Amino acid sequence: METTYVVKETTNYNMFKYMNGQRDVVQSRVNKIIADIKKHGQINPIEVNEKYEVGDGQGRLEACRQLKIPVKYVVIPGRTIEDCIAVNSTNTNWSMLDYVDSWIKRAPNEKVRKAYQNIHALITNKKYTSIIAKSTILRICVKNGDKYVDVIQSGKAELRDSMEDTIKMLDFIMQFEETLKIVGKRNNYIRALVRAYNTRKVNRDKLAKRCQALQYMIHGVASVEEAQKILENVYNYKCRNRIKFDEDVA
């Protein structure tokens, strides 16, 4: 049997609360909602639980507040933050940063909160994101990084290494900024550089200098394996004893 909810109105905006873990309201999105409400009115009511925590419609609530008009709402008992994420993901998709911010707010303990704070610091650091995509940072820095989407969303994310060691690795990759700018799919080279970084026998400074001197040997590739082979050729150029980056991994 289908449940019917009663649509109510109020100008008492302060009766509503945001759920712990909700993503922040972005003014640019509110501005779009305001423009839409001015044209068509508030078509869809906001949805709240019995505690008047907003499960869907934060932007609409804020738009009505700024317009100083009654906000339409329906009370749906039992709504949780998980329901909120599911609903919002079908409308305006949550980014990985949205999930990270959410878990910082609702972490079950300090260990989880600290892990997500560290991840937030990495994927919002313009020093790294100028060259390394946020998704790549998550893939190479988070445990089980190949499944980083599920790991981040489930609240189980943690760094592979300490924050200090993670920063050292990213700083190493940034030494190749000029080289990475000339290739198409940087992600493949970045992941190959991680393999080089984790190989004990590789002299990291030597690799950086060789890449600068032999940039003509570096070109776009379709896989991590191809990128690794090219970087190995650069590193081992005119050397008798070749070193593979995935040998003797630290």
C-alpha atoms as a PDB file:
ATOM      1  CA  MET A   1       0.000   0.000   0.000  1.00  0.00           C
ATOM      2  CA  GLU A   2       1.417   3.370  -1.042  1.00  0.00           C
ATOM      3  CA  THR A   3       2.034   5.866   1.768  1.00  0.00           C
ATOM      4  CA  THR A   4       0.769   9.426   1.299  1.00  0.00           C
ATOM      5  CA  TYR A   5       2.548  12.248   3.091  1.00  0.00           C
ATOM      6  CA  VAL A   6       0.958  15.609   3.915  1.00  0.00           C
ATOM      7  CA  VAL A   7       2.710  18.643   2.444  1.00  0.00           C
ATOM      8  CA  LYS A   8       3.024  21.443   4.985  1.00  0.00           C
ATOM      9  CA  GLU A   9       4.424  24.987   4.844  1.00  0.00           C
ATOM     10  CA  THR A  10       6.292  27.175   7.304  1.00  0.00           C
ATOM     11  CA  THR A  11       8.476  30.255   7.526  1.00  0.00           C
ATOM     12  CA  ASN A  12      10.048  28.973  10.733  1.00  0.00           C
ATOM     13  CA  TYR A  13      13.242  27.901   8.973  1.00  0.00           C
ATOM     14  CA  ASN A  14      15.040  27.387  12.284  1.00  0.00           C
ATOM     15  CA  MET A  15      12.844  24.390  13.118  1.00  0.00           C
ATOM     16  CA  PHE A  16      14.836  22.380  10.588  1.00  0.00           C
ATOM     17  CA  LYS A  17      18.228  20.809  11.251  1.00  0.00           C
ATOM     18  CA  TYR A  18      20.937  19.374   9.049  1.00  0.00           C
ATOM     19  CA  MET A  19      21.812  15.713   9.500  1.00  0.00           C
ATOM     20  CA  ASN A  20      25.241  14.944  10.872  1.00  0.00           C
ATOM     21  CA  GLY A  21      27.334  14.049   7.859  1.00  0.00           C
ATOM     22  CA  GLN A  22      25.366  16.069   5.311  1.00  0.00           C
ATOM     23  CA  ARG A  23      27.388  17.835   2.654  1.00  0.00           C
ATOM     24  CA  ASP A  24      27.623  21.617   2.852  1.00  0.00           C
ATOM     25  CA  VAL A  25      25.163  23.882   1.068  1.00  0.00           C
ATOM     26  CA  VAL A  26      26.899  25.597  -1.853  1.00  0.00           C
ATOM     27  CA  GLN A  27      25.675  29.109  -2.622  1.00  0.00           C
ATOM     28  CA  SER A  28      26.148  28.695  -6.376  1.00  0.00           C
ATOM     29  CA  ARG A  29      23.649  25.818  -6.293  1.00  0.00           C
ATOM     30  CA  VAL A  30      21.284  27.811  -4.052  1.00  0.00           C
ATOM     31  CA  ASN A  31      21.374  30.642  -6.606  1.00  0.00           C
ATOM     32  CA  LYS A  32      20.182  28.259  -9.327  1.00  0.00           C
ATOM     33  CA  ILE A  33      17.375  27.004  -7.094  1.00  0.00           C
ATOM     34  CA  ILE A  34      16.347  30.584  -6.281  1.00  0.00           C
ATOM     35  CA  ALA A  35      16.111  31.370  -9.997  1.00  0.00           C
ATOM     36  CA  ASP A  36      14.018  28.229 -10.573  1.00  0.00           C
ATOM     37  CA  ILE A  37      11.679  28.993  -7.647  1.00  0.00           C
ATOM     38  CA  LYS A  38      11.157  32.531  -8.913  1.00  0.00           C
ATOM     39  CA  LYS A  39       9.990  31.099 -12.235  1.00  0.00           C
ATOM     40  CA  HIS A  40       8.013  28.046 -11.152  1.00  0.00           C
ATOM     41  CA  GLY A  41       7.616  28.199  -7.380  1.00  0.00           C
ATOM     42  CA  GLN A  42       8.800  25.437  -5.037  1.00  0.00           C
ATOM     43  CA  ILE A  43       7.521  22.384  -6.880  1.00  0.00           C
ATOM     44  CA  ASN A  44       9.115  19.687  -4.708  1.00  0.00           C
ATOM     45  CA  PRO A  45       8.812  19.913  -0.904  1.00  0.00           C
ATOM     46  CA  ILE A  46      11.847  19.222   1.236  1.00  0.00           C
ATOM     47  CA  GLU A  47      11.849  15.901   3.092  1.00  0.00           C
ATOM     48  CA  VAL A  48      12.572  15.698   6.827  1.00  0.00           C
ATOM     49  CA  ASN A  49      12.410  12.993   9.465  1.00  0.00           C
ATOM     50  CA  GLU A  50      10.485  13.155  12.726  1.00  0.00           C
ATOM     51  CA  LYS A  51      13.337  15.189  14.262  1.00  0.00           C
ATOM     52  CA  TYR A  52      12.978  17.720  11.419  1.00  0.00           C
ATOM     53  CA  GLU A  53      16.417  16.793  10.087  1.00  0.00           C
ATOM     54  CA  VAL A  54      16.554  17.511   6.356  1.00  0.00           C
ATOM     55  CA  GLY A  55      17.025  14.344   4.339  1.00  0.00           C
ATOM     56  CA  ASP A  56      16.487  15.936   0.931  1.00  0.00           C
ATOM     57  CA  GLY A  57      16.227  19.614   0.042  1.00  0.00           C
ATOM     58  CA  GLN A  58      18.924  21.553   1.910  1.00  0.00           C
ATOM     59  CA  GLY A  59      19.326  23.812  -1.104  1.00  0.00           C
ATOM     60  CA  ARG A  60      15.586  24.407  -1.401  1.00  0.00           C
ATOM     61  CA  LEU A  61      15.362  25.248   2.305  1.00  0.00           C
ATOM     62  CA  GLU A  62      18.159  27.783   2.033  1.00  0.00           C
ATOM     63  CA  ALA A  63      16.661  29.252  -1.164  1.00  0.00           C
ATOM     64  CA  CYS A  64      13.295  29.777   0.556  1.00  0.00           C
ATOM     65  CA  ARG A  65      15.052  31.280   3.554  1.00  0.00           C
ATOM     66  CA  GLN A  66      16.854  33.791   1.352  1.00  0.00           C
ATOM     67  CA  LEU A  67      13.679  34.550  -0.600  1.00  0.00           C
ATOM     68  CA  LYS A  68      11.779  34.889   2.694  1.00  0.00           C
ATOM     69  CA  ILE A  69       8.935  32.704   1.456  1.00  0.00           C
ATOM     70  CA  PRO A  70       7.271  29.682   3.108  1.00  0.00           C
ATOM     71  CA  VAL A  71       9.112  26.410   2.579  1.00  0.00           C
ATOM     72  CA  LYS A  72       7.073  23.328   1.710  1.00  0.00           C
ATOM     73  CA  TYR A  73       8.006  20.149   3.563  1.00  0.00           C
ATOM     74  CA  VAL A  74       6.891  16.607   4.299  1.00  0.00           C
ATOM     75  CA  VAL A  75       7.756  14.544   7.360  1.00  0.00           C
ATOM     76  CA  ILE A  76       9.006  11.018   6.587  1.00  0.00           C
ATOM     77  CA  PRO A  77       9.738   9.185   9.855  1.00  0.00           C
ATOM     78  CA  GLY A  78      12.940   7.166  10.054  1.00  0.00           C
ATOM     79  CA  ARG A  79      14.928   9.050   7.413  1.00  0.00           C
ATOM     80  CA  THR A  80      18.704   8.646   8.014  1.00  0.00           C
ATOM     81  CA  ILE A  81      21.906  10.068   6.559  1.00  0.00           C
ATOM     82  CA  GLU A  82      22.237   6.921   4.429  1.00  0.00           C
ATOM     83  CA  ASP A  83      18.793   7.596   2.928  1.00  0.00           C
ATOM     84  CA  CYS A  84      19.836  11.188   2.347  1.00  0.00           C
ATOM     85  CA  ILE A  85      22.973  10.171   0.453  1.00  0.00           C
ATOM     86  CA  ALA A  86      20.998   7.696  -1.665  1.00  0.00           C
ATOM     87  CA  VAL A  87      18.385  10.329  -2.566  1.00  0.00           C
ATOM     88  CA  ASN A  88      20.902  13.086  -3.288  1.00  0.00           C
ATOM     89  CA  SER A  89      23.108  10.796  -5.357  1.00  0.00           C
ATOM     90  CA  THR A  90      20.274  10.364  -7.855  1.00  0.00           C
ATOM     91  CA  ASN A  91      19.897  14.144  -8.155  1.00  0.00           C
ATOM     92  CA  THR A  92      23.257  15.866  -7.731  1.00  0.00           C
ATOM     93  CA  ASN A  93      25.933  13.186  -7.476  1.00  0.00           C
ATOM     94  CA  TRP A  94      28.113  13.197  -4.410  1.00  0.00           C
ATOM     95  CA  SER A  95      31.775  13.643  -5.259  1.00  0.00           C
ATOM     96  CA  MET A  96      34.504  11.768  -3.408  1.00  0.00           C
ATOM     97  CA  LEU A  97      35.184  15.000  -1.526  1.00  0.00           C
ATOM     98  CA  ASP A  98      31.527  15.099  -0.408  1.00  0.00           C
ATOM     99  CA  TYR A  99      31.881  11.586   1.019  1.00  0.00           C
ATOM    100  CA  VAL A 100      35.191  12.448   2.683  1.00  0.00           C
ATOM    101  CA  ASP A 101      33.681  15.557   4.305  1.00  0.00           C
ATOM    102  CA  SER A 102      30.654  13.551   5.415  1.00  0.00           C
ATOM    103  CA  TRP A 103      32.770  10.915   7.177  1.00  0.00           C
ATOM    104  CA  ILE A 104      34.853  13.600   8.882  1.00  0.00           C
ATOM    105  CA  LYS A 105      31.634  14.898  10.435  1.00  0.00           C
ATOM    106  CA  ARG A 106      30.120  11.531  11.400  1.00  0.00           C
ATOM    107  CA  ALA A 107      33.194   9.397  12.049  1.00  0.00           C
ATOM    108  CA  PRO A 108      32.511   6.721  14.689  1.00  0.00           C
ATOM    109  CA  ASN A 109      35.917   7.318  16.291  1.00  0.00           C
ATOM    110  CA  GLU A 110      38.966   9.564  16.145  1.00  0.00           C
ATOM    111  CA  LYS A 111      40.995   7.099  14.046  1.00  0.00           C
ATOM    112  CA  VAL A 112      38.462   7.220  11.216  1.00  0.00           C
ATOM    113  CA  ARG A 113      38.105  11.003  11.512  1.00  0.00           C
ATOM    114  CA  LYS A 114      41.876  11.490  11.306  1.00  0.00           C
ATOM    115  CA  ALA A 115      42.163   9.175   8.302  1.00  0.00           C
ATOM    116  CA  TYR A 116      39.524  11.134   6.398  1.00  0.00           C
ATOM    117  CA  GLN A 117      41.029  14.463   7.462  1.00  0.00           C
ATOM    118  CA  ASN A 118      44.349  13.338   5.980  1.00  0.00           C
ATOM    119  CA  ILE A 119      42.645  12.235   2.765  1.00  0.00           C
ATOM    120  CA  HIS A 120      40.820  15.577   2.599  1.00  0.00           C
ATOM    121  CA  ALA A 121      44.132  17.418   2.973  1.00  0.00           C
ATOM    122  CA  LEU A 122      45.645  15.445   0.092  1.00  0.00           C
ATOM    123  CA  ILE A 123      42.828  15.822  -2.445  1.00  0.00           C
ATOM    124  CA  THR A 124      42.395  19.546  -1.760  1.00  0.00           C
ATOM    125  CA  ASN A 125      46.114  20.368  -1.938  1.00  0.00           C
ATOM    126  CA  LYS A 126      46.541  22.370  -5.155  1.00  0.00           C
ATOM    127  CA  LYS A 127      50.243  21.562  -5.180  1.00  0.00           C
ATOM    128  CA  TYR A 128      49.354  17.962  -6.039  1.00  0.00           C
ATOM    129  CA  THR A 129      46.012  18.314  -7.824  1.00  0.00           C
ATOM    130  CA  SER A 130      47.597  20.639 -10.397  1.00  0.00           C
ATOM    131  CA  ILE A 131      49.171  17.517 -11.907  1.00  0.00           C
ATOM    132  CA  ILE A 132      47.670  14.488 -10.164  1.00  0.00           C
ATOM    133  CA  ALA A 133      43.926  13.880 -10.482  1.00  0.00           C
ATOM    134  CA  LYS A 134      42.042  13.468  -7.196  1.00  0.00           C
ATOM    135  CA  SER A 135      40.972   9.990  -8.269  1.00  0.00           C
ATOM    136  CA  THR A 136      44.615   9.065  -8.866  1.00  0.00           C
ATOM    137  CA  ILE A 137      45.652  10.415  -5.476  1.00  0.00           C
ATOM    138  CA  LEU A 138      43.013   8.201  -3.878  1.00  0.00           C
ATOM    139  CA  ARG A 139      44.041   5.216  -5.970  1.00  0.00           C
ATOM    140  CA  ILE A 140      47.739   5.415  -5.060  1.00  0.00           C
ATOM    141  CA  CYS A 141      47.487   6.684  -1.470  1.00  0.00           C
ATOM    142  CA  VAL A 142      44.537   4.775   0.018  1.00  0.00           C
ATOM    143  CA  LYS A 143      44.670   1.125   1.067  1.00  0.00           C
ATOM    144  CA  ASN A 144      42.839  -1.046  -1.483  1.00  0.00           C
ATOM    145  CA  GLY A 145      43.086   1.992  -3.749  1.00  0.00           C
ATOM    146  CA  ASP A 146      41.858   0.112  -6.806  1.00  0.00           C
ATOM    147  CA  LYS A 147      38.514  -0.035  -4.973  1.00  0.00           C
ATOM    148  CA  TYR A 148      38.787   3.492  -3.585  1.00  0.00           C
ATOM    149  CA  VAL A 149      35.164   4.408  -4.428  1.00  0.00           C
ATOM    150  CA  ASP A 150      33.705   1.647  -2.250  1.00  0.00           C
ATOM    151  CA  VAL A 151      36.339   2.153   0.439  1.00  0.00           C
ATOM    152  CA  ILE A 152      35.746   5.920   0.693  1.00  0.00           C
ATOM    153  CA  GLN A 153      31.953   5.621   0.634  1.00  0.00           C
ATOM    154  CA  SER A 154      31.857   2.888   3.284  1.00  0.00           C
ATOM    155  CA  GLY A 155      33.867   4.874   5.833  1.00  0.00           C
ATOM    156  CA  LYS A 156      36.690   2.321   5.852  1.00  0.00           C
ATOM    157  CA  ALA A 157      39.358   4.372   4.085  1.00  0.00           C
ATOM    158  CA  GLU A 158      42.857   4.740   5.461  1.00  0.00           C
ATOM    159  CA  LEU A 159      46.198   5.665   3.938  1.00  0.00           C
ATOM    160  CA  ARG A 160      48.583   2.932   2.782  1.00  0.00           C
ATOM    161  CA  ASP A 161      51.396   4.648   4.668  1.00  0.00           C
ATOM    162  CA  SER A 162      51.760   7.400   7.241  1.00  0.00           C
ATOM    163  CA  MET A 163      50.833  10.929   6.182  1.00  0.00           C
ATOM    164  CA  GLU A 164      54.527  11.865   6.260  1.00  0.00           C
ATOM    165  CA  ASP A 165      55.512   9.010   3.941  1.00  0.00           C
ATOM    166  CA  THR A 166      52.536   9.685   1.670  1.00  0.00           C
ATOM    167  CA  ILE A 167      53.611  13.304   1.237  1.00  0.00           C
ATOM    168  CA  LYS A 168      57.176  12.190   0.477  1.00  0.00           C
ATOM    169  CA  MET A 169      55.853   9.955  -2.304  1.00  0.00           C
ATOM    170  CA  LEU A 170      53.673  12.707  -3.776  1.00  0.00           C
ATOM    171  CA  ASP A 171      56.576  15.172  -3.599  1.00  0.00           C
ATOM    172  CA  PHE A 172      58.688  12.629  -5.477  1.00  0.00           C
ATOM    173  CA  ILE A 173      56.059  12.433  -8.229  1.00  0.00           C
ATOM    174  CA  MET A 174      55.920  16.231  -8.431  1.00  0.00           C
ATOM    175  CA  GLN A 175      59.584  16.253  -9.452  1.00  0.00           C
ATOM    176  CA  PHE A 176      58.319  14.926 -12.786  1.00  0.00           C
ATOM    177  CA  GLU A 177      55.814  17.753 -13.289  1.00  0.00           C
ATOM    178  CA  GLU A 178      57.328  18.970 -16.567  1.00  0.00           C
ATOM    179  CA  THR A 179      57.625  15.421 -17.892  1.00  0.00           C
ATOM    180  CA  LEU A 180      54.023  14.593 -16.978  1.00  0.00           C
ATOM    181  CA  LYS A 181      52.776  17.684 -18.789  1.00  0.00           C
ATOM    182  CA  ILE A 182      53.981  16.343 -22.136  1.00  0.00           C
ATOM    183  CA  VAL A 183      52.208  12.970 -21.948  1.00  0.00           C
ATOM    184  CA  GLY A 184      48.540  12.345 -22.584  1.00  0.00           C
ATOM    185  CA  LYS A 185      47.444   9.873 -19.903  1.00  0.00           C
ATOM    186  CA  ARG A 186      49.384  11.007 -16.851  1.00  0.00           C
ATOM    187  CA  ASN A 187      47.743   8.423 -14.620  1.00  0.00           C
ATOM    188  CA  ASN A 188      49.714   5.592 -16.238  1.00  0.00           C
ATOM    189  CA  TYR A 189      53.048   7.331 -15.674  1.00  0.00           C
ATOM    190  CA  ILE A 190      52.111   8.339 -12.129  1.00  0.00           C
ATOM    191  CA  ARG A 191      51.337   4.756 -11.176  1.00  0.00           C
ATOM    192  CA  ALA A 192      54.585   3.625 -12.803  1.00  0.00           C
ATOM    193  CA  LEU A 193      56.429   6.263 -10.761  1.00  0.00           C
ATOM    194  CA  VAL A 194      54.853   4.836  -7.600  1.00  0.00           C
ATOM    195  CA  ARG A 195      56.347   1.461  -8.523  1.00  0.00           C
ATOM    196  CA  ALA A 196      59.726   3.126  -9.023  1.00  0.00           C
ATOM    197  CA  TYR A 197      59.422   4.957  -5.703  1.00  0.00           C
ATOM    198  CA  ASN A 198      58.721   1.685  -3.880  1.00  0.00           C
ATOM    199  CA  THR A 199      61.638  -0.185  -5.464  1.00  0.00           C
ATOM    200  CA  ARG A 200      64.660  -0.154  -3.138  1.00  0.00           C
ATOM    201  CA  LYS A 201      67.288  -0.327  -5.867  1.00  0.00           C
ATOM    202  CA  VAL A 202      65.996   2.745  -7.711  1.00  0.00           C
ATOM    203  CA  ASN A 203      67.942   5.971  -7.158  1.00  0.00           C
ATOM    204  CA  ARG A 204      65.067   8.463  -7.140  1.00  0.00           C
ATOM    205  CA  ASP A 205      67.199  11.523  -7.863  1.00  0.00           C
ATOM    206  CA  LYS A 206      68.834   9.710 -10.770  1.00  0.00           C
ATOM    207  CA  LEU A 207      65.424   8.870 -12.262  1.00  0.00           C
ATOM    208  CA  ALA A 208      64.273  12.495 -12.000  1.00  0.00           C
ATOM    209  CA  LYS A 209      67.449  13.807 -13.664  1.00  0.00           C
ATOM    210  CA  ARG A 210      67.323  11.166 -16.394  1.00  0.00           C
ATOM    211  CA  CYS A 211      63.697  12.024 -17.215  1.00  0.00           C
ATOM    212  CA  GLN A 212      64.598  15.706 -17.573  1.00  0.00           C
ATOM    213  CA  ALA A 213      67.589  14.915 -19.792  1.00  0.00           C
ATOM    214  CA  LEU A 214      65.883  12.250 -21.920  1.00  0.00           C
ATOM    215  CA  GLN A 215      62.384  13.648 -22.300  1.00  0.00           C
ATOM    216  CA  TYR A 216      62.431  12.775 -26.005  1.00  0.00           C
ATOM    217  CA  MET A 217      62.156   9.107 -24.986  1.00  0.00           C
ATOM    218  CA  ILE A 218      58.898   9.729 -23.121  1.00  0.00           C
ATOM    219  CA  HIS A 219      55.534   9.741 -24.897  1.00  0.00           C
ATOM    220  CA  GLY A 220      51.890   8.905 -24.342  1.00  0.00           C
ATOM    221  CA  VAL A 221      51.032   5.309 -23.474  1.00  0.00           C
ATOM    222  CA  ALA A 222      47.912   3.208 -23.051  1.00  0.00           C
ATOM    223  CA  SER A 223      48.849   1.282 -19.900  1.00  0.00           C
ATOM    224  CA  VAL A 224      50.847   1.401 -16.678  1.00  0.00           C
ATOM    225  CA  GLU A 225      53.047  -1.407 -17.987  1.00  0.00           C
ATOM    226  CA  GLU A 226      53.999   0.627 -21.064  1.00  0.00           C
ATOM    227  CA  ALA A 227      54.762   3.662 -18.913  1.00  0.00           C
ATOM    228  CA  GLN A 228      56.890   1.542 -16.591  1.00  0.00           C
ATOM    229  CA  LYS A 229      58.845   0.103 -19.522  1.00  0.00           C
ATOM    230  CA  ILE A 230      59.596   3.573 -20.900  1.00  0.00           C
ATOM    231  CA  LEU A 231      60.711   4.895 -17.519  1.00  0.00           C
ATOM    232  CA  GLU A 232      62.881   1.802 -17.035  1.00  0.00           C
ATOM    233  CA  ASN A 233      64.491   2.435 -20.428  1.00  0.00           C
ATOM    234  CA  VAL A 234      65.185   6.035 -19.412  1.00  0.00           C
ATOM    235  CA  TYR A 235      66.578   5.007 -16.033  1.00  0.00           C
ATOM    236  CA  ASN A 236      68.707   2.180 -17.466  1.00  0.00           C
ATOM    237  CA  TYR A 237      69.923   4.111 -20.510  1.00  0.00           C
ATOM    238  CA  LYS A 238      73.457   2.921 -21.335  1.00  0.00           C
ATOM    239  CA  CYS A 239      73.591   0.888 -18.106  1.00  0.00           C
ATOM    240  CA  ARG A 240      74.774  -2.726 -18.052  1.00  0.00           C
ATOM    241  CA  ASN A 241      72.673  -3.897 -15.135  1.00  0.00           C
ATOM    242  CA  ARG A 242      69.019  -3.123 -15.764  1.00  0.00           C
ATOM    243  CA  ILE A 243      66.653  -2.529 -12.863  1.00  0.00           C
ATOM    244  CA  LYS A 244      62.951  -3.282 -13.019  1.00  0.00           C
ATOM    245  CA  PHE A 245      60.738  -1.057 -10.900  1.00  0.00           C
ATOM    246  CA  ASP A 246      58.687  -3.885  -9.416  1.00  0.00           C
ATOM    247  CA  GLU A 247      61.708  -5.863  -8.219  1.00  0.00           C
ATOM    248  CA  ASP A 248      62.720  -5.717  -4.541  1.00  0.00           C
ATOM    249  CA  VAL A 249      59.699  -3.553  -3.701  1.00  0.00           C
ATOM    250  CA  ALA A 250      59.956  -1.724  -0.390  1.00  0.00           C
END
